[in-house]
Amino acid sequence: MSDFDEILHKDTVQKFLAVYRYLRRYGRRMHQEGMSGRKIATLRYLIEAGPLTVGQLRAFLCISDSSTSELIARLQKKGYVTRTRSEVDRRVVLVDVTPLGRDIVRRTPLGGIPLLREALKTLSPERLSLIDEALTEMMHLLEVNHDT
């Protein structure tokens, strides 16, 4: 490996670790406040796009149906969301954010994955494609299953 290659290798690992540490710090901070990045992301998405079905939330969060249901139950227990049956199709349950949920989002700083989701929306398709390719390669190198 040339000196340049070694510097590039070290720099790449350091940048990855900086992102990893940032996400862990943000997660710990949210946990200390009784929230998680996933909960905040759910509430922010409901404010933006809600009310939504459990399936729509699952697709946004990229987690299983059961994990989504558990998350919604926790948010409902804290009074941050409500679940109601659709007037159009009574089999469909809609999840919506409450005023208390809106207030917690307003008071919680945007960071972590919720910030990343918003920031990625601002990128050009070309830049987003470069990031996608780099992350795909990282997943391959780390042997990460896409569904994990």
Protein backbone atom coordinates (compact mmCIF):
# COMPACT_ATOMS: atom_id res chain seq x y z
CA MET A 1 0.00 0.00 0.00
CA SER A 2 1.41 3.41 -0.95
CA ASP A 3 1.65 6.27 1.56
CA PHE A 4 -1.30 7.96 -0.16
CA ASP A 5 -3.35 4.74 0.02
CA GLU A 6 -2.55 4.35 3.73
CA ILE A 7 -3.59 7.94 4.44
CA LEU A 8 -6.81 7.49 2.46
CA HIS A 9 -7.53 4.21 4.26
CA LYS A 10 -6.97 5.79 7.68
CA ASP A 11 -9.03 8.88 6.79
CA THR A 12 -11.94 6.75 5.52
CA VAL A 13 -12.02 4.66 8.70
CA GLN A 14 -11.81 7.79 10.87
CA LYS A 15 -14.73 9.40 9.03
CA PHE A 16 -16.84 6.27 9.39
CA LEU A 17 -16.03 6.11 13.11
CA ALA A 18 -16.87 9.80 13.53
CA VAL A 19 -20.32 9.19 12.02
CA TYR A 20 -20.78 6.07 14.14
CA ARG A 21 -19.80 7.92 17.36
CA TYR A 22 -22.08 10.85 16.49
CA LEU A 23 -25.07 8.53 16.01
CA ARG A 24 -24.34 6.75 19.30
CA ARG A 25 -24.05 10.07 21.19
CA TYR A 26 -27.30 11.32 19.68
CA GLY A 27 -29.00 8.03 20.57
CA ARG A 28 -27.77 8.22 24.18
CA ARG A 29 -28.92 11.84 24.43
CA MET A 30 -32.40 10.93 23.18
CA HIS A 31 -32.51 7.95 25.54
CA GLN A 32 -31.68 10.24 28.49
CA GLU A 33 -34.66 12.36 27.51
CA GLY A 34 -36.87 9.27 27.39
CA MET A 35 -37.00 9.19 23.61
CA SER A 36 -35.20 7.44 20.81
CA GLY A 37 -34.23 8.59 17.37
CA ARG A 38 -36.75 6.15 15.94
CA LYS A 39 -39.57 7.54 18.08
CA ILE A 40 -38.72 11.10 17.12
CA ALA A 41 -38.43 10.11 13.45
CA THR A 42 -41.86 8.49 13.65
CA LEU A 43 -43.43 11.56 15.21
CA ARG A 44 -41.74 13.90 12.70
CA TYR A 45 -42.95 11.74 9.80
CA LEU A 46 -46.49 11.68 11.16
CA ILE A 47 -46.45 15.48 11.42
CA GLU A 48 -45.21 15.70 7.84
CA ALA A 49 -47.31 12.99 6.19
CA GLY A 50 -49.86 11.68 8.71
CA PRO A 51 -52.18 10.19 9.60
CA LEU A 52 -50.66 6.94 8.35
CA THR A 53 -51.27 3.22 8.54
CA VAL A 54 -48.97 0.91 10.47
CA GLY A 55 -47.72 -0.45 7.14
CA GLN A 56 -46.83 3.02 5.89
CA LEU A 57 -44.88 3.71 9.08
CA ARG A 58 -43.15 0.32 8.83
CA ALA A 59 -42.04 1.11 5.28
CA PHE A 60 -40.70 4.51 6.35
CA LEU A 61 -38.81 3.12 9.35
CA CYS A 62 -37.56 -0.02 7.55
CA ILE A 63 -38.46 -2.28 10.50
CA SER A 64 -40.75 -5.28 10.97
CA ASP A 65 -44.52 -5.10 11.46
CA SER A 66 -44.21 -6.29 15.06
CA SER A 67 -41.49 -3.72 15.89
CA THR A 68 -43.64 -1.00 14.33
CA SER A 69 -46.66 -2.07 16.36
CA GLU A 70 -44.61 -2.11 19.57
CA LEU A 71 -43.23 1.35 18.80
CA ILE A 72 -46.71 2.74 18.15
CA ALA A 73 -47.99 1.16 21.37
CA ARG A 74 -45.20 2.86 23.36
CA LEU A 75 -45.87 6.21 21.71
CA GLN A 76 -49.60 5.84 22.35
CA LYS A 77 -49.02 4.95 26.01
CA LYS A 78 -47.03 8.20 26.44
CA GLY A 79 -49.84 10.15 24.76
CA TYR A 80 -47.81 11.09 21.66
CA VAL A 81 -50.01 9.32 19.08
CA THR A 82 -53.54 8.05 18.67
CA ARG A 83 -54.86 5.09 16.74
CA THR A 84 -58.25 5.33 15.06
CA ARG A 85 -60.15 3.25 12.55
CA SER A 86 -60.50 4.68 9.07
CA GLU A 87 -63.97 5.99 8.25
CA VAL A 88 -63.54 4.69 4.68
CA ASP A 89 -62.38 1.16 5.59
CA ARG A 90 -62.98 0.10 9.21
CA ARG A 91 -60.29 -2.61 8.89
CA VAL A 92 -57.61 0.08 8.49
CA VAL A 93 -56.08 1.64 11.59
CA LEU A 94 -54.60 5.11 11.22
CA VAL A 95 -51.90 6.52 13.48
CA ASP A 96 -51.76 10.26 14.06
CA VAL A 97 -49.66 12.53 16.23
CA THR A 98 -51.26 14.30 19.22
CA PRO A 99 -50.62 17.87 20.39
CA LEU A 100 -48.32 16.41 23.06
CA GLY A 101 -46.41 14.53 20.34
CA ARG A 102 -46.09 17.73 18.31
CA ASP A 103 -44.77 19.52 21.38
CA ILE A 104 -42.08 16.90 22.09
CA VAL A 105 -40.93 17.12 18.45
CA ARG A 106 -40.80 20.90 18.63
CA ARG A 107 -38.62 20.70 21.77
CA THR A 108 -36.33 17.92 20.53
CA PRO A 109 -33.33 18.95 18.44
CA LEU A 110 -33.13 17.50 14.97
CA GLY A 111 -30.18 15.11 14.82
CA GLY A 112 -29.12 11.56 14.12
CA ILE A 113 -31.05 9.58 11.54
CA PRO A 114 -33.95 12.08 11.45
CA LEU A 115 -31.47 14.81 10.47
CA LEU A 116 -29.86 12.52 7.91
CA ARG A 117 -33.25 11.74 6.36
CA GLU A 118 -33.96 15.46 5.94
CA ALA A 119 -30.47 16.34 4.72
CA LEU A 120 -30.44 13.59 2.09
CA LYS A 121 -33.61 15.07 0.57
CA THR A 122 -31.65 18.22 -0.28
CA LEU A 123 -28.97 16.46 -2.33
CA SER A 124 -28.91 16.23 -6.09
CA PRO A 125 -29.61 12.77 -7.54
CA GLU A 126 -25.95 12.53 -8.58
CA ARG A 127 -24.62 13.15 -5.05
CA LEU A 128 -27.24 10.88 -3.51
CA SER A 129 -26.25 8.15 -5.95
CA LEU A 130 -22.58 8.46 -4.91
CA ILE A 131 -23.52 8.09 -1.24
CA ASP A 132 -25.77 5.14 -2.06
CA GLU A 133 -22.96 3.41 -3.93
CA ALA A 134 -20.48 4.01 -1.10
CA LEU A 135 -22.92 2.69 1.52
CA THR A 136 -23.72 -0.33 -0.62
CA GLU A 137 -20.02 -1.10 -0.83
CA MET A 138 -19.63 -0.64 2.95
CA MET A 139 -22.51 -3.03 3.55
CA HIS A 140 -20.84 -5.55 1.25
CA LEU A 141 -17.48 -5.16 3.03
CA LEU A 142 -19.12 -5.60 6.43
CA GLU A 143 -21.31 -8.44 5.16
CA VAL A 144 -24.44 -6.57 6.24
CA ASN A 145 -27.73 -8.00 5.04
CA HIS A 146 -29.94 -5.27 3.54
CA ASP A 147 -32.86 -6.41 5.75
CA THR A 148 -30.82 -6.13 8.97
